[in-house]
Amino acid sequence: MSDLNQALNNSTYVNEPVFSVPYIDAGGLGLILTIGLPVYRPGTNTLYGVVAIDITLQDIFKDAIYFNNGDGSYIFIIDNKGRVIFHPSMPALMPSDSVNYYHINQLERGTNFGAVIESMIAGQSGSKAIDMIKVL
């Protein structure tokens, strides 16, 4: 939640939702993330409050988990710092484990992949296809 707190404590006006890094829910729901949006007093940049929601990663990514196009393609999700939110190569997290954050470069090492990572971290939209040989 430090990213969320940092963004909301910043003195600049924030007009887009802020996503926390995933963390383990104290209530036993597994990995969750918080999405928050500041609310400002009308006509000013004075922070009035915050609207936020906690969402389990399982709910968000249930479609991505079962994605199989049959051609070796897969889905992964990273944040704006390159930290992996979802990747099929990530080890399963047990309830007693602490959260380990992986940078996408640890899981995707293809030589043509750098441009895709840079584009995603910069928040650009679109799609890219890369021919890669994956050795298992």
Foldseek 3Di string as FASTA:
>chain_A
DVQQVVVVPDLDADADKTKDAWFQDPVHPGTKIKIKDFDADPPDSHTPGMDMDIDHVCVVCVVQQPDDPPPPDGDWDAELVQWTRDDPPDDDDDNVDGDDTDGVCVVDVDPPCPVVSVCVSVVHDDDDDDDDDDDD
